[in-house]
Amino acid sequence: FDNYTIRGELMYRKPGLADWRFGIRHTEYFNIDDEI
């Protein structure tokens, strides 16, 4: 399960109130030729 991941995320933060995060990621398992 050796892998690498590339990810991007947007975070809007109001201290003391909330964090909102939206993101995408791509993971490649190169020894078993699979991805997610």
Full PDB file with SEQRES, HELIX, SHEET, SSBOND, CRYST1, ORIGX, SCALE, CONECT and MASTER records, all heavy atoms in Angstrom:
SEQRES   1 A   36  PHE ASP ASN TYR THR ILE ARG GLY GLU LEU MET TYR ARG          
SEQRES   2 A   36  LYS PRO GLY LEU ALA ASP TRP ARG PHE GLY ILE ARG HIS          
SEQRES   3 A   36  THR GLU TYR PHE ASN ILE ASP ASP GLU ILE                      
SHEET    1 AA1 3 ASN A   3  LYS A  14  0                                        
SHEET    2 AA1 3 ALA A  18  TYR A  29 -1                                        
SHEET    3 AA1 3 ASP A  34  GLU A  35 -1                                        
CRYST1    1.000    1.000    1.000  90.00  90.00  90.00 P 1           1          
ORIGX1      1.000000  0.000000  0.000000        0.00000                         
ORIGX2      0.000000  1.000000  0.000000        0.00000                         
ORIGX3      0.000000  0.000000  1.000000        0.00000                         
SCALE1      1.000000  0.000000  0.000000        0.00000                         
SCALE2      0.000000  1.000000  0.000000        0.00000                         
SCALE3      0.000000  0.000000  1.000000        0.00000                         
ATOM      1  N   PHE A   1       0.810  -1.211   0.000  1.00  0.00           N  
ATOM      2  CA  PHE A   1       0.000   0.000   0.000  1.00  0.00           C  
ATOM      3  C   PHE A   1       0.846   1.265   0.000  1.00  0.00           C  
ATOM      4  O   PHE A   1       0.403   2.306   0.472  1.00  0.00           O  
ATOM      5  CB  PHE A   1      -0.973  -0.014   1.183  1.00  0.00           C  
ATOM      6  CG  PHE A   1      -2.033  -1.062   1.037  1.00  0.00           C  
ATOM      7  CD1 PHE A   1      -1.914  -2.288   1.645  1.00  0.00           C  
ATOM      8  CD2 PHE A   1      -3.138  -0.816   0.253  1.00  0.00           C  
ATOM      9  CE1 PHE A   1      -2.878  -3.266   1.493  1.00  0.00           C  
ATOM     10  CE2 PHE A   1      -4.116  -1.782   0.083  1.00  0.00           C  
ATOM     11  CZ  PHE A   1      -3.985  -3.008   0.704  1.00  0.00           C  
ATOM     12  N   ASP A   2       2.056   1.203  -0.529  1.00  0.00           N  
ATOM     13  CA  ASP A   2       2.845   2.415  -0.718  1.00  0.00           C  
ATOM     14  C   ASP A   2       2.053   3.347  -1.618  1.00  0.00           C  
ATOM     15  O   ASP A   2       1.484   2.924  -2.623  1.00  0.00           O  
ATOM     16  CB  ASP A   2       4.191   2.093  -1.359  1.00  0.00           C  
ATOM     17  CG  ASP A   2       5.115   1.338  -0.420  1.00  0.00           C  
ATOM     18  OD1 ASP A   2       4.731   1.126   0.741  1.00  0.00           O  
ATOM     19  OD2 ASP A   2       6.216   0.973  -0.864  1.00  0.00           O  
ATOM     20  N   ASN A   3       2.001   4.620  -1.262  1.00  0.00           N  
ATOM     21  CA  ASN A   3       1.130   5.526  -2.010  1.00  0.00           C  
ATOM     22  C   ASN A   3       1.632   6.950  -1.996  1.00  0.00           C  
ATOM     23  O   ASN A   3       2.489   7.311  -1.188  1.00  0.00           O  
ATOM     24  CB  ASN A   3      -0.286   5.479  -1.423  1.00  0.00           C  
ATOM     25  CG  ASN A   3      -0.350   6.071  -0.035  1.00  0.00           C  
ATOM     26  OD1 ASN A   3      -0.357   7.273   0.130  1.00  0.00           O  
ATOM     27  ND2 ASN A   3      -0.375   5.220   0.980  1.00  0.00           N  
ATOM     28  N   TYR A   4       1.066   7.734  -2.904  1.00  0.00           N  
ATOM     29  CA  TYR A   4       1.217   9.183  -2.839  1.00  0.00           C  
ATOM     30  C   TYR A   4      -0.166   9.792  -3.022  1.00  0.00           C  
ATOM     31  O   TYR A   4      -1.048   9.203  -3.636  1.00  0.00           O  
ATOM     32  CB  TYR A   4       2.219   9.713  -3.867  1.00  0.00           C  
ATOM     33  CG  TYR A   4       1.787   9.575  -5.294  1.00  0.00           C  
ATOM     34  CD1 TYR A   4       1.010  10.554  -5.908  1.00  0.00           C  
ATOM     35  CD2 TYR A   4       2.161   8.471  -6.053  1.00  0.00           C  
ATOM     36  CE1 TYR A   4       0.612  10.433  -7.221  1.00  0.00           C  
ATOM     37  CE2 TYR A   4       1.766   8.342  -7.367  1.00  0.00           C  
ATOM     38  CZ  TYR A   4       0.997   9.331  -7.943  1.00  0.00           C  
ATOM     39  OH  TYR A   4       0.600   9.200  -9.240  1.00  0.00           O  
ATOM     40  N   THR A   5      -0.347  10.953  -2.443  1.00  0.00           N  
ATOM     41  CA  THR A   5      -1.634  11.649  -2.494  1.00  0.00           C  
ATOM     42  C   THR A   5      -1.406  13.091  -2.881  1.00  0.00           C  
ATOM     43  O   THR A   5      -0.515  13.756  -2.349  1.00  0.00           O  
ATOM     44  CB  THR A   5      -2.336  11.600  -1.117  1.00  0.00           C  
ATOM     45  OG1 THR A   5      -2.550  10.245  -0.756  1.00  0.00           O  
ATOM     46  CG2 THR A   5      -3.662  12.332  -1.147  1.00  0.00           C  
ATOM     47  N   ILE A   6      -2.224  13.573  -3.797  1.00  0.00           N  
ATOM     48  CA  ILE A   6      -2.256  14.991  -4.159  1.00  0.00           C  
ATOM     49  C   ILE A   6      -3.606  15.510  -3.702  1.00  0.00           C  
ATOM     50  O   ILE A   6      -4.627  14.890  -3.961  1.00  0.00           O  
ATOM     51  CB  ILE A   6      -2.095  15.176  -5.678  1.00  0.00           C  
ATOM     52  CG1 ILE A   6      -0.762  14.592  -6.129  1.00  0.00           C  
ATOM     53  CG2 ILE A   6      -2.218  16.645  -6.055  1.00  0.00           C  
ATOM     54  CD1 ILE A   6      -0.616  14.495  -7.623  1.00  0.00           C  
ATOM     55  N   ARG A   7      -3.607  16.646  -2.984  1.00  0.00           N  
ATOM     56  CA  ARG A   7      -4.871  17.146  -2.452  1.00  0.00           C  
ATOM     57  C   ARG A   7      -4.959  18.657  -2.527  1.00  0.00           C  
ATOM     58  O   ARG A   7      -3.949  19.358  -2.535  1.00  0.00           O  
ATOM     59  CB  ARG A   7      -5.064  16.677  -1.014  1.00  0.00           C  
ATOM     60  CG  ARG A   7      -3.984  17.046  -0.088  1.00  0.00           C  
ATOM     61  CD  ARG A   7      -4.091  16.317   1.248  1.00  0.00           C  
ATOM     62  NE  ARG A   7      -2.807  16.334   1.905  1.00  0.00           N  
ATOM     63  CZ  ARG A   7      -2.306  17.377   2.531  1.00  0.00           C  
ATOM     64  NH1 ARG A   7      -3.003  18.481   2.623  1.00  0.00           N  
ATOM     65  NH2 ARG A   7      -1.121  17.325   3.067  1.00  0.00           N  
ATOM     66  N   GLY A   8      -6.192  19.133  -2.617  1.00  0.00           N  
ATOM     67  CA  GLY A   8      -6.478  20.557  -2.593  1.00  0.00           C  
ATOM     68  C   GLY A   8      -7.645  20.799  -1.653  1.00  0.00           C  
ATOM     69  O   GLY A   8      -8.574  19.990  -1.582  1.00  0.00           O  
ATOM     70  N   GLU A   9      -7.603  21.924  -0.924  1.00  0.00           N  
ATOM     71  CA  GLU A   9      -8.647  22.182   0.065  1.00  0.00           C  
ATOM     72  C   GLU A   9      -8.866  23.688   0.203  1.00  0.00           C  
ATOM     73  O   GLU A   9      -7.927  24.462   0.192  1.00  0.00           O  
ATOM     74  CB  GLU A   9      -8.207  21.603   1.410  1.00  0.00           C  
ATOM     75  CG  GLU A   9      -9.157  21.865   2.543  1.00  0.00           C  
ATOM     76  CD  GLU A   9      -8.639  21.312   3.855  1.00  0.00           C  
ATOM     77  OE1 GLU A   9      -7.827  22.005   4.499  1.00  0.00           O  
ATOM     78  OE2 GLU A   9      -9.047  20.197   4.206  1.00  0.00           O  
ATOM     79  N   LEU A  10     -10.128  24.062   0.327  1.00  0.00           N  
ATOM     80  CA  LEU A  10     -10.504  25.430   0.681  1.00  0.00           C  
ATOM     81  C   LEU A  10     -11.019  25.411   2.112  1.00  0.00           C  
ATOM     82  O   LEU A  10     -11.847  24.574   2.462  1.00  0.00           O  
ATOM     83  CB  LEU A  10     -11.616  25.953  -0.229  1.00  0.00           C  
ATOM     84  CG  LEU A  10     -11.186  26.583  -1.532  1.00  0.00           C  
ATOM     85  CD1 LEU A  10     -12.413  26.954  -2.356  1.00  0.00           C  
ATOM     86  CD2 LEU A  10     -10.332  27.813  -1.305  1.00  0.00           C  
ATOM     87  N   MET A  11     -10.509  26.330   2.939  1.00  0.00           N  
ATOM     88  CA  MET A  11     -10.951  26.398   4.326  1.00  0.00           C  
ATOM     89  C   MET A  11     -11.376  27.830   4.650  1.00  0.00           C  
ATOM     90  O   MET A  11     -10.635  28.778   4.415  1.00  0.00           O  
ATOM     91  CB  MET A  11      -9.848  25.993   5.292  1.00  0.00           C  
ATOM     92  CG  MET A  11     -10.290  26.101   6.744  1.00  0.00           C  
ATOM     93  SD  MET A  11      -9.024  25.661   7.954  1.00  0.00           S  
ATOM     94  CE  MET A  11      -7.933  27.054   7.848  1.00  0.00           C  
ATOM     95  N   TYR A  12     -12.586  27.952   5.162  1.00  0.00           N  
ATOM     96  CA  TYR A  12     -13.086  29.237   5.659  1.00  0.00           C  
ATOM     97  C   TYR A  12     -13.198  29.118   7.157  1.00  0.00           C  
ATOM     98  O   TYR A  12     -13.878  28.219   7.662  1.00  0.00           O  
ATOM     99  CB  TYR A  12     -14.447  29.568   5.033  1.00  0.00           C  
ATOM    100  CG  TYR A  12     -14.969  30.921   5.457  1.00  0.00           C  
ATOM    101  CD1 TYR A  12     -14.357  32.080   5.004  1.00  0.00           C  
ATOM    102  CD2 TYR A  12     -16.058  31.026   6.304  1.00  0.00           C  
ATOM    103  CE1 TYR A  12     -14.821  33.324   5.387  1.00  0.00           C  
ATOM    104  CE2 TYR A  12     -16.535  32.262   6.692  1.00  0.00           C  
ATOM    105  CZ  TYR A  12     -15.903  33.414   6.229  1.00  0.00           C  
ATOM    106  OH  TYR A  12     -16.368  34.644   6.619  1.00  0.00           O  
ATOM    107  N   ARG A  13     -12.514  29.994   7.879  1.00  0.00           N  
ATOM    108  CA  ARG A  13     -12.470  29.877   9.335  1.00  0.00           C  
ATOM    109  C   ARG A  13     -12.869  31.182   9.991  1.00  0.00           C  
ATOM    110  O   ARG A  13     -12.324  32.238   9.674  1.00  0.00           O  
ATOM    111  CB  ARG A  13     -11.074  29.496   9.781  1.00  0.00           C  
ATOM    112  CG  ARG A  13     -10.978  29.343  11.264  1.00  0.00           C  
ATOM    113  CD  ARG A  13      -9.640  28.826  11.692  1.00  0.00           C  
ATOM    114  NE  ARG A  13      -9.776  28.350  13.058  1.00  0.00           N  
ATOM    115  CZ  ARG A  13      -8.924  27.607  13.664  1.00  0.00           C  
ATOM    116  NH1 ARG A  13      -7.858  27.197  13.021  1.00  0.00           N  
ATOM    117  NH2 ARG A  13      -9.117  27.240  14.897  1.00  0.00           N  
ATOM    118  N   LYS A  14     -13.824  31.066  10.890  1.00  0.00           N  
ATOM    119  CA  LYS A  14     -14.211  32.175  11.758  1.00  0.00           C  
ATOM    120  C   LYS A  14     -13.822  31.755  13.173  1.00  0.00           C  
ATOM    121  O   LYS A  14     -14.500  30.917  13.771  1.00  0.00           O  
ATOM    122  CB  LYS A  14     -15.707  32.460  11.679  1.00  0.00           C  
ATOM    123  CG  LYS A  14     -16.127  33.138  10.399  1.00  0.00           C  
ATOM    124  CD  LYS A  14     -15.324  34.359  10.130  1.00  0.00           C  
ATOM    125  CE  LYS A  14     -16.115  35.630  10.159  1.00  0.00           C  
ATOM    126  NZ  LYS A  14     -15.294  36.801   9.864  1.00  0.00           N  
ATOM    127  N   PRO A  15     -12.722  32.296  13.718  1.00  0.00           N  
ATOM    128  CA  PRO A  15     -12.242  31.870  15.038  1.00  0.00           C  
ATOM    129  C   PRO A  15     -13.334  31.970  16.101  1.00  0.00           C  
ATOM    130  O   PRO A  15     -14.051  32.952  16.198  1.00  0.00           O  
ATOM    131  CB  PRO A  15     -11.093  32.836  15.335  1.00  0.00           C  
ATOM    132  CG  PRO A  15     -10.618  33.262  13.977  1.00  0.00           C  
ATOM    133  CD  PRO A  15     -11.856  33.315  13.127  1.00  0.00           C  
ATOM    134  N   GLY A  16     -13.454  30.910  16.884  1.00  0.00           N  
ATOM    135  CA  GLY A  16     -14.447  30.843  17.941  1.00  0.00           C  
ATOM    136  C   GLY A  16     -15.816  30.394  17.478  1.00  0.00           C  
ATOM    137  O   GLY A  16     -16.689  30.103  18.283  1.00  0.00           O  
ATOM    138  N   LEU A  17     -16.023  30.333  16.163  1.00  0.00           N  
ATOM    139  CA  LEU A  17     -17.335  29.953  15.645  1.00  0.00           C  
ATOM    140  C   LEU A  17     -17.279  28.608  14.903  1.00  0.00           C  
ATOM    141  O   LEU A  17     -17.878  27.640  15.348  1.00  0.00           O  
ATOM    142  CB  LEU A  17     -17.883  31.040  14.715  1.00  0.00           C  
ATOM    143  CG  LEU A  17     -19.248  30.799  14.105  1.00  0.00           C  
ATOM    144  CD1 LEU A  17     -20.306  30.669  15.193  1.00  0.00           C  
ATOM    145  CD2 LEU A  17     -19.599  31.917  13.154  1.00  0.00           C  
ATOM    146  N   ALA A  18     -16.558  28.569  13.791  1.00  0.00           N  
ATOM    147  CA  ALA A  18     -16.560  27.332  13.006  1.00  0.00           C  
ATOM    148  C   ALA A  18     -15.448  27.323  11.961  1.00  0.00           C  
ATOM    149  O   ALA A  18     -14.900  28.358  11.593  1.00  0.00           O  
ATOM    150  CB  ALA A  18     -17.901  27.152  12.316  1.00  0.00           C  
ATOM    151  N   ASP A  19     -15.157  26.101  11.494  1.00  0.00           N  
ATOM    152  CA  ASP A  19     -14.296  25.836  10.332  1.00  0.00           C  
ATOM    153  C   ASP A  19     -15.152  25.144   9.288  1.00  0.00           C  
ATOM    154  O   ASP A  19     -15.861  24.196   9.606  1.00  0.00           O  
ATOM    155  CB  ASP A  19     -13.176  24.857  10.693  1.00  0.00           C  
ATOM    156  CG  ASP A  19     -11.970  25.516  11.284  1.00  0.00           C  
ATOM    157  OD1 ASP A  19     -11.947  26.741  11.385  1.00  0.00           O  
ATOM    158  OD2 ASP A  19     -11.042  24.771  11.655  1.00  0.00           O  
ATOM    159  N   TRP A  20     -15.076  25.601   8.068  1.00  0.00           N  
ATOM    160  CA  TRP A  20     -15.726  24.921   6.947  1.00  0.00           C  
ATOM    161  C   TRP A  20     -14.622  24.541   5.977  1.00  0.00           C  
ATOM    162  O   TRP A  20     -13.844  25.391   5.548  1.00  0.00           O  
ATOM    163  CB  TRP A  20     -16.733  25.819   6.249  1.00  0.00           C  
ATOM    164  CG  TRP A  20     -17.918  26.165   7.079  1.00  0.00           C  
ATOM    165  CD1 TRP A  20     -19.050  25.428   7.218  1.00  0.00           C  
ATOM    166  CD2 TRP A  20     -18.098  27.329   7.880  1.00  0.00           C  
ATOM    167  NE1 TRP A  20     -19.927  26.071   8.059  1.00  0.00           N  
ATOM    168  CE2 TRP A  20     -19.371  27.243   8.477  1.00  0.00           C  
ATOM    169  CE3 TRP A  20     -17.313  28.453   8.165  1.00  0.00           C  
ATOM    170  CZ2 TRP A  20     -19.862  28.209   9.334  1.00  0.00           C  
ATOM    171  CZ3 TRP A  20     -17.797  29.409   9.018  1.00  0.00           C  
ATOM    172  CH2 TRP A  20     -19.064  29.288   9.593  1.00  0.00           C  
ATOM    173  N   ARG A  21     -14.564  23.273   5.606  1.00  0.00           N  
ATOM    174  CA  ARG A  21     -13.537  22.796   4.679  1.00  0.00           C  
ATOM    175  C   ARG A  21     -14.185  22.001   3.551  1.00  0.00           C  
ATOM    176  O   ARG A  21     -15.044  21.165   3.795  1.00  0.00           O  
ATOM    177  CB  ARG A  21     -12.536  21.901   5.398  1.00  0.00           C  
ATOM    178  CG  ARG A  21     -11.762  22.598   6.462  1.00  0.00           C  
ATOM    179  CD  ARG A  21     -10.882  21.610   7.203  1.00  0.00           C  
ATOM    180  NE  ARG A  21     -10.241  22.251   8.322  1.00  0.00           N  
ATOM    181  CZ  ARG A  21      -8.938  22.252   8.523  1.00  0.00           C  
ATOM    182  NH1 ARG A  21      -8.147  21.618   7.701  1.00  0.00           N  
ATOM    183  NH2 ARG A  21      -8.436  22.861   9.564  1.00  0.00           N  
ATOM    184  N   PHE A  22     -13.698  22.260   2.353  1.00  0.00           N  
ATOM    185  CA  PHE A  22     -14.111  21.508   1.175  1.00  0.00           C  
ATOM    186  C   PHE A  22     -12.840  21.122   0.443  1.00  0.00           C  
ATOM    187  O   PHE A  22     -11.978  21.970   0.186  1.00  0.00           O  
ATOM    188  CB  PHE A  22     -15.015  22.353   0.277  1.00  0.00           C  
ATOM    189  CG  PHE A  22     -15.343  21.669  -1.018  1.00  0.00           C  
ATOM    190  CD1 PHE A  22     -16.276  20.645  -1.047  1.00  0.00           C  
ATOM    191  CD2 PHE A  22     -14.711  22.032  -2.187  1.00  0.00           C  
ATOM    192  CE1 PHE A  22     -16.575  19.996  -2.233  1.00  0.00           C  
ATOM    193  CE2 PHE A  22     -15.003  21.393  -3.386  1.00  0.00           C  
ATOM    194  CZ  PHE A  22     -15.942  20.385  -3.401  1.00  0.00           C  
ATOM    195  N   GLY A  23     -12.708  19.831   0.113  1.00  0.00           N  
ATOM    196  CA  GLY A  23     -11.481  19.415  -0.529  1.00  0.00           C  
ATOM    197  C   GLY A  23     -11.648  18.218  -1.430  1.00  0.00           C  
ATOM    198  O   GLY A  23     -12.674  17.529  -1.421  1.00  0.00           O  
ATOM    199  N   ILE A  24     -10.622  18.008  -2.231  1.00  0.00           N  
ATOM    200  CA  ILE A  24     -10.529  16.829  -3.084  1.00  0.00           C  
ATOM    201  C   ILE A  24      -9.145  16.231  -2.901  1.00  0.00           C  
ATOM    202  O   ILE A  24      -8.189  16.940  -2.581  1.00  0.00           O  
ATOM    203  CB  ILE A  24     -10.779  17.144  -4.573  1.00  0.00           C  
ATOM    204  CG1 ILE A  24      -9.787  18.193  -5.076  1.00  0.00           C  
ATOM    205  CG2 ILE A  24     -12.199  17.603  -4.809  1.00  0.00           C  
ATOM    206  CD1 ILE A  24      -9.819  18.409  -6.561  1.00  0.00           C  
ATOM    207  N   ARG A  25      -9.054  14.924  -3.079  1.00  0.00           N  
ATOM    208  CA  ARG A  25      -7.740  14.282  -3.032  1.00  0.00           C  
ATOM    209  C   ARG A  25      -7.715  13.083  -3.973  1.00  0.00           C  
ATOM    210  O   ARG A  25      -8.730  12.437  -4.197  1.00  0.00           O  
ATOM    211  CB  ARG A  25      -7.335  13.906  -1.617  1.00  0.00           C  
ATOM    212  CG  ARG A  25      -8.194  12.895  -0.944  1.00  0.00           C  
ATOM    213  CD  ARG A  25      -7.656  12.549   0.426  1.00  0.00           C  
ATOM    214  NE  ARG A  25      -7.920  13.637   1.339  1.00  0.00           N  
ATOM    215  CZ  ARG A  25      -7.753  13.567   2.640  1.00  0.00           C  
ATOM    216  NH1 ARG A  25      -7.315  12.477   3.180  1.00  0.00           N  
ATOM    217  NH2 ARG A  25      -8.019  14.578   3.402  1.00  0.00           N  
ATOM    218  N   HIS A  26      -6.553  12.844  -4.499  1.00  0.00           N  
ATOM    219  CA  HIS A  26      -6.314  11.703  -5.390  1.00  0.00           C  
ATOM    220  C   HIS A  26      -5.165  10.899  -4.792  1.00  0.00           C  
ATOM    221  O   HIS A  26      -4.074  11.419  -4.592  1.00  0.00           O  
ATOM    222  CB  HIS A  26      -5.959  12.174  -6.796  1.00  0.00           C  
ATOM    223  CG  HIS A  26      -5.556  11.052  -7.694  1.00  0.00           C  
ATOM    224  ND1 HIS A  26      -6.482  10.215  -8.285  1.00  0.00           N  
ATOM    225  CD2 HIS A  26      -4.334  10.607  -8.076  1.00  0.00           C  
ATOM    226  CE1 HIS A  26      -5.837   9.318  -9.004  1.00  0.00           C  
ATOM    227  NE2 HIS A  26      -4.539   9.530  -8.894  1.00  0.00           N  
ATOM    228  N   THR A  27      -5.417   9.616  -4.500  1.00  0.00           N  
ATOM    229  CA  THR A  27      -4.395   8.737  -3.939  1.00  0.00           C  
ATOM    230  C   THR A  27      -4.095   7.632  -4.938  1.00  0.00           C  
ATOM    231  O   THR A  27      -4.997   6.998  -5.457  1.00  0.00           O  
ATOM    232  CB  THR A  27      -4.875   8.113  -2.604  1.00  0.00           C  
ATOM    233  OG1 THR A  27      -5.171   9.171  -1.696  1.00  0.00           O  
ATOM    234  CG2 THR A  27      -3.814   7.215  -2.013  1.00  0.00           C  
ATOM    235  N   GLU A  28      -2.831   7.428  -5.185  1.00  0.00           N  
ATOM    236  CA  GLU A  28      -2.354   6.412  -6.124  1.00  0.00           C  
ATOM    237  C   GLU A  28      -1.529   5.380  -5.352  1.00  0.00           C  
ATOM    238  O   GLU A  28      -0.533   5.722  -4.723  1.00  0.00           O  
ATOM    239  CB  GLU A  28      -1.487   7.077  -7.189  1.00  0.00           C  
ATOM    240  CG  GLU A  28      -0.998   6.183  -8.271  1.00  0.00           C  
ATOM    241  CD  GLU A  28      -2.035   5.989  -9.366  1.00  0.00           C  
ATOM    242  OE1 GLU A  28      -2.844   6.883  -9.616  1.00  0.00           O  
ATOM    243  OE2 GLU A  28      -2.006   4.907  -9.966  1.00  0.00           O  
ATOM    244  N   TYR A  29      -1.987   4.128  -5.359  1.00  0.00           N  
ATOM    245  CA  TYR A  29      -1.241   3.021  -4.752  1.00  0.00           C  
ATOM    246  C   TYR A  29      -0.424   2.382  -5.861  1.00  0.00           C  
ATOM    247  O   TYR A  29      -0.949   1.629  -6.672  1.00  0.00           O  
ATOM    248  CB  TYR A  29      -2.204   2.002  -4.138  1.00  0.00           C  
ATOM    249  CG  TYR A  29      -3.036   2.578  -3.020  1.00  0.00           C  
ATOM    250  CD1 TYR A  29      -4.325   3.028  -3.264  1.00  0.00           C  
ATOM    251  CD2 TYR A  29      -2.519   2.685  -1.740  1.00  0.00           C  
ATOM    252  CE1 TYR A  29      -5.083   3.575  -2.239  1.00  0.00           C  
ATOM    253  CE2 TYR A  29      -3.270   3.226  -0.716  1.00  0.00           C  
ATOM    254  CZ  TYR A  29      -4.550   3.666  -0.966  1.00  0.00           C  
ATOM    255  OH  TYR A  29      -5.297   4.207   0.038  1.00  0.00           O  
ATOM    256  N   PHE A  30       0.863   2.680  -5.912  1.00  0.00           N  
ATOM    257  CA  PHE A  30       1.623   2.303  -7.095  1.00  0.00           C  
ATOM    258  C   PHE A  30       2.093   0.862  -7.104  1.00  0.00           C  
ATOM    259  O   PHE A  30       2.402   0.335  -8.168  1.00  0.00           O  
ATOM    260  CB  PHE A  30       2.797   3.254  -7.348  1.00  0.00           C  
ATOM    261  CG  PHE A  30       3.613   3.623  -6.160  1.00  0.00           C  
ATOM    262  CD1 PHE A  30       4.653   2.843  -5.749  1.00  0.00           C  
ATOM    263  CD2 PHE A  30       3.330   4.790  -5.473  1.00  0.00           C  
ATOM    264  CE1 PHE A  30       5.418   3.200  -4.671  1.00  0.00           C  
ATOM    265  CE2 PHE A  30       4.092   5.160  -4.388  1.00  0.00           C  
ATOM    266  CZ  PHE A  30       5.139   4.370  -3.984  1.00  0.00           C  
ATOM    267  N   ASN A  31       2.132   0.152  -5.991  1.00  0.00           N  
ATOM    268  CA  ASN A  31       2.553  -1.249  -6.019  1.00  0.00           C  
ATOM    269  C   ASN A  31       1.415  -2.211  -6.344  1.00  0.00           C  
ATOM    270  O   ASN A  31       1.661  -3.355  -6.709  1.00  0.00           O  
ATOM    271  CB  ASN A  31       3.194  -1.650  -4.691  1.00  0.00           C  
ATOM    272  CG  ASN A  31       4.568  -1.056  -4.532  1.00  0.00           C  
ATOM    273  OD1 ASN A  31       5.228  -0.745  -5.506  1.00  0.00           O  
ATOM    274  ND2 ASN A  31       4.998  -0.876  -3.307  1.00  0.00           N  
ATOM    275  N   ILE A  32       0.173  -1.780  -6.180  1.00  0.00           N  
ATOM    276  CA  ILE A  32      -0.958  -2.653  -6.515  1.00  0.00           C  
ATOM    277  C   ILE A  32      -1.771  -2.078  -7.677  1.00  0.00           C  
ATOM    278  O   ILE A  32      -2.845  -2.565  -7.978  1.00  0.00           O  
ATOM    279  CB  ILE A  32      -1.869  -2.904  -5.296  1.00  0.00           C  
ATOM    280  CG1 ILE A  32      -2.410  -1.595  -4.733  1.00  0.00           C  
ATOM    281  CG2 ILE A  32      -1.152  -3.712  -4.248  1.00  0.00           C  
ATOM    282  CD1 ILE A  32      -3.437  -1.776  -3.639  1.00  0.00           C  
ATOM    283  N   ASP A  33      -1.248  -1.019  -8.303  1.00  0.00           N  
ATOM    284  CA  ASP A  33      -1.866  -0.418  -9.484  1.00  0.00           C  
ATOM    285  C   ASP A  33      -3.345  -0.095  -9.230  1.00  0.00           C  
ATOM    286  O   ASP A  33      -4.237  -0.577  -9.931  1.00  0.00           O  
ATOM    287  CB  ASP A  33      -1.709  -1.336 -10.694  1.00  0.00           C  
ATOM    288  CG  ASP A  33      -2.059  -0.620 -11.988  1.00  0.00           C  
ATOM    289  OD1 ASP A  33      -1.898   0.608 -12.035  1.00  0.00           O  
ATOM    290  OD2 ASP A  33      -2.495  -1.288 -12.937  1.00  0.00           O  
ATOM    291  N   ASP A  34      -3.590   0.732  -8.208  1.00  0.00           N  
ATOM    292  CA  ASP A  34      -4.955   1.138  -7.870  1.00  0.00           C  
ATOM    293  C   ASP A  34      -4.938   2.601  -7.467  1.00  0.00           C  
ATOM    294  O   ASP A  34      -3.891   3.160  -7.129  1.00  0.00           O  
ATOM    295  CB  ASP A  34      -5.494   0.277  -6.732  1.00  0.00           C  
ATOM    296  CG  ASP A  34      -7.010   0.292  -6.658  1.00  0.00           C  
ATOM    297  OD1 ASP A  34      -7.637   0.915  -7.530  1.00  0.00           O  
ATOM    298  OD2 ASP A  34      -7.558  -0.321  -5.735  1.00  0.00           O  
ATOM    299  N   GLU A  35      -6.085   3.219  -7.505  1.00  0.00           N  
ATOM    300  CA  GLU A  35      -6.200   4.637  -7.147  1.00  0.00           C  
ATOM    301  C   GLU A  35      -7.575   4.906  -6.569  1.00  0.00           C  
ATOM    302  O   GLU A  35      -8.514   4.133  -6.767  1.00  0.00           O  
ATOM    303  CB  GLU A  35      -5.960   5.517  -8.358  1.00  0.00           C  
ATOM    304  CG  GLU A  35      -6.952   5.298  -9.472  1.00  0.00           C  
ATOM    305  CD  GLU A  35      -6.588   6.074 -10.718  1.00  0.00           C  
ATOM    306  OE1 GLU A  35      -5.427   5.986 -11.163  1.00  0.00           O  
ATOM    307  OE2 GLU A  35      -7.475   6.770 -11.222  1.00  0.00           O  
ATOM    308  N   ILE A  36      -7.679   6.020  -5.844  1.00  0.00           N  
ATOM    309  CA  ILE A  36      -8.966   6.430  -5.290  1.00  0.00           C  
ATOM    310  C   ILE A  36      -9.035   7.953  -5.297  1.00  0.00           C  
ATOM    311  O   ILE A  36      -8.048   8.635  -5.021  1.00  0.00           O  
ATOM    312  CB  ILE A  36      -9.165   5.869  -3.857  1.00  0.00           C  
ATOM    313  CG1 ILE A  36     -10.549   6.195  -3.356  1.00  0.00           C  
ATOM    314  CG2 ILE A  36      -8.121   6.390  -2.898  1.00  0.00           C  
ATOM    315  CD1 ILE A  36     -10.924   5.466  -2.087  1.00  0.00           C  
TER     316      ILE A  36                                                      
MASTER        0    0    0    0    3    0    0    6  315    1    0    3          
END                                                                             
